[in-house]
């Protein structure tokens, strides 16, 4: 997992801030893993078929420094099943974005 995380960070870091330490990040920051933030609601709450996507893989928050924007003050989340992540199987990932 560490090698994968390092590759992602090397690829994305020039464009956005990534915080890898979950406890030190704010809910709205771009990050790998941790607890997701939503500007509206968690789509998994309303669709029980999405409950299997139980782990935040990547969260991208709007970033002024690199013109990354999801609507107005939005956030994008990528979720994966915990067991799929352990197997490094990224074939089934849930993507959601919302904004104010």
N, C-alpha and C. Protein backbone atom coordinates (compact mmCIF):
# COMPACT_ATOMS: atom_id res chain seq x y z
N UNK A 1 0.83 -1.20 0.00
CA UNK A 1 0.00 0.00 0.00
C UNK A 1 0.87 1.25 0.00
N UNK A 2 1.99 1.22 0.72
CA UNK A 2 2.84 2.39 0.80
C UNK A 2 3.38 2.78 -0.58
N UNK A 3 3.81 1.78 -1.38
CA UNK A 3 4.32 2.07 -2.72
C UNK A 3 3.24 2.72 -3.57
N UNK A 4 2.03 2.19 -3.52
CA UNK A 4 0.92 2.77 -4.28
C UNK A 4 0.66 4.21 -3.85
N UNK A 5 0.64 4.44 -2.54
CA UNK A 5 0.40 5.79 -2.02
C UNK A 5 1.48 6.75 -2.50
N UNK A 6 2.73 6.32 -2.49
CA UNK A 6 3.83 7.17 -2.94
C UNK A 6 3.69 7.51 -4.43
N UNK A 7 3.30 6.54 -5.25
CA UNK A 7 3.12 6.79 -6.68
C UNK A 7 1.99 7.79 -6.92
N UNK A 8 0.89 7.63 -6.21
CA UNK A 8 -0.24 8.58 -6.33
C UNK A 8 0.24 9.97 -5.93
N UNK A 9 0.94 10.06 -4.81
CA UNK A 9 1.39 11.37 -4.32
C UNK A 9 2.32 12.03 -5.32
N UNK A 10 3.26 11.29 -5.89
CA UNK A 10 4.19 11.86 -6.86
C UNK A 10 3.45 12.36 -8.10
N UNK A 11 2.40 11.68 -8.48
CA UNK A 11 1.64 12.06 -9.66
C UNK A 11 0.78 13.30 -9.41
N UNK A 12 0.13 13.36 -8.27
CA UNK A 12 -0.86 14.40 -8.01
C UNK A 12 -0.28 15.64 -7.32
N UNK A 13 0.76 15.47 -6.53
CA UNK A 13 1.26 16.55 -5.68
C UNK A 13 1.52 17.87 -6.40
N UNK A 14 2.03 17.87 -7.64
CA UNK A 14 2.24 19.16 -8.29
C UNK A 14 0.96 19.96 -8.51
N UNK A 15 -0.18 19.30 -8.48
CA UNK A 15 -1.43 19.97 -8.81
C UNK A 15 -2.31 20.28 -7.61
N UNK A 16 -2.25 19.49 -6.58
CA UNK A 16 -3.08 19.72 -5.40
C UNK A 16 -2.31 19.40 -4.14
N UNK A 17 -2.80 19.90 -3.01
CA UNK A 17 -2.20 19.54 -1.73
C UNK A 17 -2.80 18.23 -1.28
N UNK A 18 -1.94 17.27 -0.94
CA UNK A 18 -2.42 15.99 -0.42
C UNK A 18 -1.87 15.85 0.99
N UNK A 19 -2.74 15.58 1.92
CA UNK A 19 -2.34 15.31 3.29
C UNK A 19 -2.52 13.82 3.54
N UNK A 20 -1.46 13.15 3.92
CA UNK A 20 -1.54 11.71 4.11
C UNK A 20 -1.86 11.33 5.55
N UNK A 21 -1.70 12.26 6.47
CA UNK A 21 -1.97 11.95 7.86
C UNK A 21 -3.40 12.33 8.18
N UNK A 22 -4.26 11.33 8.34
CA UNK A 22 -5.69 11.57 8.51
C UNK A 22 -6.01 12.50 9.67
N UNK A 23 -5.34 12.34 10.80
CA UNK A 23 -5.68 13.10 11.99
C UNK A 23 -5.32 14.58 11.85
N UNK A 24 -4.42 14.92 10.95
CA UNK A 24 -3.98 16.29 10.83
C UNK A 24 -4.69 17.05 9.71
N UNK A 25 -5.61 16.42 9.02
CA UNK A 25 -6.30 17.10 7.92
C UNK A 25 -7.64 17.65 8.37
N UNK A 26 -8.04 18.69 7.71
CA UNK A 26 -9.37 19.23 7.91
C UNK A 26 -10.32 18.39 7.05
N UNK A 27 -11.60 18.31 7.42
CA UNK A 27 -12.52 17.47 6.66
C UNK A 27 -12.62 17.85 5.18
N UNK A 28 -12.39 19.11 4.85
CA UNK A 28 -12.60 19.57 3.48
C UNK A 28 -11.34 19.53 2.63
N UNK A 29 -10.24 19.15 3.14
CA UNK A 29 -9.01 19.14 2.36
C UNK A 29 -8.93 17.94 1.42
N UNK A 30 -8.14 18.09 0.36
CA UNK A 30 -7.84 16.95 -0.50
C UNK A 30 -7.00 15.97 0.30
N UNK A 31 -7.30 14.67 0.15
CA UNK A 31 -6.58 13.68 0.96
C UNK A 31 -6.77 12.29 0.41
N UNK A 32 -5.90 11.41 0.83
CA UNK A 32 -6.02 9.98 0.59
C UNK A 32 -6.56 9.36 1.87
N UNK A 33 -7.61 8.58 1.75
CA UNK A 33 -8.24 7.86 2.86
C UNK A 33 -8.76 8.83 3.93
N UNK A 34 -9.16 8.31 5.05
CA UNK A 34 -9.71 9.14 6.11
C UNK A 34 -11.22 9.21 6.05
N UNK A 35 -11.76 10.28 6.62
CA UNK A 35 -13.20 10.47 6.66
C UNK A 35 -13.63 11.44 5.57
N UNK A 36 -14.66 11.11 4.80
CA UNK A 36 -15.08 11.99 3.71
C UNK A 36 -15.85 13.20 4.20
N UNK A 37 -15.83 14.23 3.37
CA UNK A 37 -16.65 15.42 3.61
C UNK A 37 -17.56 15.59 2.40
N UNK A 38 -18.75 16.08 2.64
CA UNK A 38 -19.73 16.29 1.57
C UNK A 38 -20.30 17.70 1.71
N UNK A 39 -20.52 18.38 0.60
CA UNK A 39 -21.20 19.67 0.68
C UNK A 39 -22.71 19.48 0.72
N UNK A 40 -23.20 18.33 0.27
CA UNK A 40 -24.62 18.04 0.34
C UNK A 40 -24.88 16.80 1.18
N UNK A 41 -24.78 15.62 0.60
CA UNK A 41 -25.07 14.42 1.38
C UNK A 41 -24.26 13.24 0.84
N UNK A 42 -24.14 12.24 1.66
CA UNK A 42 -23.43 11.01 1.31
C UNK A 42 -24.36 10.17 0.43
N UNK A 43 -24.00 9.89 -0.83
CA UNK A 43 -24.89 9.14 -1.72
C UNK A 43 -25.13 7.70 -1.24
N UNK A 44 -24.24 7.18 -0.43
CA UNK A 44 -24.39 5.82 0.08
C UNK A 44 -25.54 5.72 1.09
N UNK A 45 -25.93 6.85 1.66
CA UNK A 45 -27.02 6.87 2.63
C UNK A 45 -28.36 6.56 1.96
N UNK A 46 -28.56 7.07 0.75
CA UNK A 46 -29.84 6.92 0.06
C UNK A 46 -29.90 5.68 -0.83
N UNK A 47 -28.77 5.12 -1.19
CA UNK A 47 -28.75 3.94 -2.06
C UNK A 47 -27.97 2.83 -1.36
N UNK A 48 -28.68 1.91 -0.77
CA UNK A 48 -28.04 0.83 0.01
C UNK A 48 -27.17 -0.07 -0.86
N UNK A 49 -27.37 -0.05 -2.19
CA UNK A 49 -26.50 -0.83 -3.08
C UNK A 49 -25.07 -0.28 -3.10
N UNK A 50 -24.92 0.95 -2.65
CA UNK A 50 -23.59 1.57 -2.63
C UNK A 50 -22.87 1.36 -1.30
N UNK A 51 -23.49 0.68 -0.37
CA UNK A 51 -22.91 0.49 0.97
C UNK A 51 -21.59 -0.29 0.93
N UNK A 52 -21.40 -1.11 -0.10
CA UNK A 52 -20.16 -1.89 -0.19
C UNK A 52 -18.93 -1.00 -0.37
N UNK A 53 -19.12 0.23 -0.85
CA UNK A 53 -18.01 1.17 -1.01
C UNK A 53 -17.78 1.87 0.33
N UNK A 54 -17.11 1.17 1.23
CA UNK A 54 -17.04 1.59 2.63
C UNK A 54 -15.75 2.29 3.02
N UNK A 55 -14.89 2.59 2.05
CA UNK A 55 -13.60 3.22 2.37
C UNK A 55 -13.35 4.39 1.42
N UNK A 56 -13.01 5.54 1.99
CA UNK A 56 -12.63 6.68 1.16
C UNK A 56 -11.24 6.40 0.59
N UNK A 57 -11.14 6.42 -0.71
CA UNK A 57 -9.87 6.20 -1.38
C UNK A 57 -9.16 7.54 -1.62
N UNK A 58 -9.90 8.50 -2.16
CA UNK A 58 -9.33 9.80 -2.50
C UNK A 58 -10.43 10.85 -2.41
N UNK A 59 -10.09 11.99 -1.84
CA UNK A 59 -11.00 13.14 -1.82
C UNK A 59 -10.27 14.32 -2.43
N UNK A 60 -10.93 14.98 -3.37
CA UNK A 60 -10.37 16.18 -4.00
C UNK A 60 -11.26 17.35 -3.66
N UNK A 61 -10.67 18.36 -3.06
CA UNK A 61 -11.39 19.57 -2.70
C UNK A 61 -11.03 20.65 -3.72
N UNK A 62 -11.86 21.65 -3.86
CA UNK A 62 -11.55 22.77 -4.74
C UNK A 62 -10.24 23.40 -4.30
N UNK A 63 -9.40 23.72 -5.27
CA UNK A 63 -8.09 24.30 -4.99
C UNK A 63 -7.90 25.52 -5.90
N UNK A 64 -7.82 26.70 -5.31
CA UNK A 64 -7.62 27.92 -6.09
C UNK A 64 -6.26 27.95 -6.78
N UNK A 65 -5.25 27.38 -6.13
CA UNK A 65 -3.88 27.45 -6.65
C UNK A 65 -3.73 26.76 -8.00
N UNK A 66 -4.55 25.78 -8.29
CA UNK A 66 -4.39 25.03 -9.54
C UNK A 66 -5.68 24.95 -10.35
N UNK A 67 -6.62 25.84 -10.05
CA UNK A 67 -7.89 25.89 -10.79
C UNK A 67 -8.64 24.56 -10.79
N UNK A 68 -8.62 23.87 -9.68
CA UNK A 68 -9.40 22.64 -9.53
C UNK A 68 -10.73 23.01 -8.89
N UNK A 69 -11.84 22.79 -9.61
CA UNK A 69 -13.13 23.23 -9.11
C UNK A 69 -14.19 22.19 -9.44
N UNK A 70 -15.03 21.90 -8.47
CA UNK A 70 -16.18 21.01 -8.64
C UNK A 70 -17.43 21.83 -8.35
N UNK A 71 -17.98 22.46 -9.39
CA UNK A 71 -19.10 23.34 -9.17
C UNK A 71 -18.65 24.53 -8.33
N UNK A 72 -19.51 24.98 -7.42
CA UNK A 72 -19.15 26.07 -6.52
C UNK A 72 -18.82 25.46 -5.16
N UNK A 73 -17.56 25.55 -4.76
CA UNK A 73 -17.10 25.04 -3.46
C UNK A 73 -17.42 23.56 -3.29
N UNK A 74 -17.22 22.79 -4.34
CA UNK A 74 -17.56 21.37 -4.29
C UNK A 74 -16.40 20.48 -3.86
N UNK A 75 -16.73 19.22 -3.75
CA UNK A 75 -15.75 18.21 -3.35
C UNK A 75 -16.05 16.93 -4.13
N UNK A 76 -15.00 16.23 -4.54
CA UNK A 76 -15.15 14.95 -5.24
C UNK A 76 -14.61 13.85 -4.35
N UNK A 77 -15.33 12.75 -4.29
CA UNK A 77 -14.92 11.61 -3.46
C UNK A 77 -14.87 10.34 -4.31
N UNK A 78 -13.86 9.53 -4.05
CA UNK A 78 -13.73 8.22 -4.67
C UNK A 78 -13.73 7.19 -3.54
N UNK A 79 -14.67 6.26 -3.60
CA UNK A 79 -14.80 5.23 -2.57
C UNK A 79 -14.50 3.86 -3.15
N UNK A 80 -14.02 2.97 -2.29
CA UNK A 80 -13.71 1.61 -2.69
C UNK A 80 -14.10 0.67 -1.54
N UNK A 81 -14.33 -0.57 -1.86
CA UNK A 81 -14.56 -1.58 -0.83
C UNK A 81 -13.24 -1.88 -0.13
N UNK A 82 -13.27 -1.99 1.17
CA UNK A 82 -12.04 -2.21 1.95
C UNK A 82 -11.28 -3.46 1.50
N UNK A 83 -12.00 -4.54 1.22
CA UNK A 83 -11.34 -5.78 0.79
C UNK A 83 -10.71 -5.62 -0.60
N UNK A 84 -11.38 -4.89 -1.49
CA UNK A 84 -10.79 -4.63 -2.81
C UNK A 84 -9.52 -3.81 -2.68
N UNK A 85 -9.51 -2.85 -1.77
CA UNK A 85 -8.32 -2.04 -1.55
C UNK A 85 -7.16 -2.89 -1.06
N UNK A 86 -7.42 -3.79 -0.13
CA UNK A 86 -6.37 -4.68 0.37
C UNK A 86 -5.76 -5.52 -0.75
N UNK A 87 -6.60 -5.89 -1.73
CA UNK A 87 -6.13 -6.70 -2.86
C UNK A 87 -5.58 -5.82 -4.00
N UNK A 88 -5.61 -4.49 -3.79
CA UNK A 88 -5.21 -3.53 -4.82
C UNK A 88 -6.01 -3.70 -6.11
N UNK A 89 -7.29 -4.01 -5.94
CA UNK A 89 -8.21 -4.18 -7.06
C UNK A 89 -9.02 -2.89 -7.20
N UNK A 90 -8.68 -2.08 -8.19
CA UNK A 90 -9.32 -0.79 -8.38
C UNK A 90 -10.33 -0.81 -9.54
N UNK A 91 -10.88 -1.97 -9.83
CA UNK A 91 -11.82 -2.10 -10.94
C UNK A 91 -13.22 -1.60 -10.58
N UNK A 92 -13.53 -1.54 -9.29
CA UNK A 92 -14.86 -1.08 -8.85
C UNK A 92 -14.68 0.06 -7.85
N UNK A 93 -14.83 1.28 -8.33
CA UNK A 93 -14.68 2.46 -7.49
C UNK A 93 -15.90 3.34 -7.69
N UNK A 94 -16.43 3.87 -6.61
CA UNK A 94 -17.57 4.78 -6.65
C UNK A 94 -17.05 6.21 -6.67
N UNK A 95 -17.51 7.00 -7.64
CA UNK A 95 -17.14 8.40 -7.76
C UNK A 95 -18.37 9.26 -7.49
N UNK A 96 -18.20 10.28 -6.69
CA UNK A 96 -19.29 11.22 -6.40
C UNK A 96 -18.71 12.62 -6.26
N UNK A 97 -19.41 13.61 -6.77
CA UNK A 97 -19.04 14.99 -6.49
C UNK A 97 -20.32 15.77 -6.25
N UNK A 98 -20.20 16.75 -5.39
CA UNK A 98 -21.32 17.64 -5.15
C UNK A 98 -20.78 19.02 -4.81
N UNK A 99 -21.67 19.99 -4.84
CA UNK A 99 -21.27 21.37 -4.56
C UNK A 99 -22.42 22.11 -3.90
N UNK A 100 -22.13 23.32 -3.47
CA UNK A 100 -23.16 24.14 -2.80
C UNK A 100 -24.25 24.55 -3.76
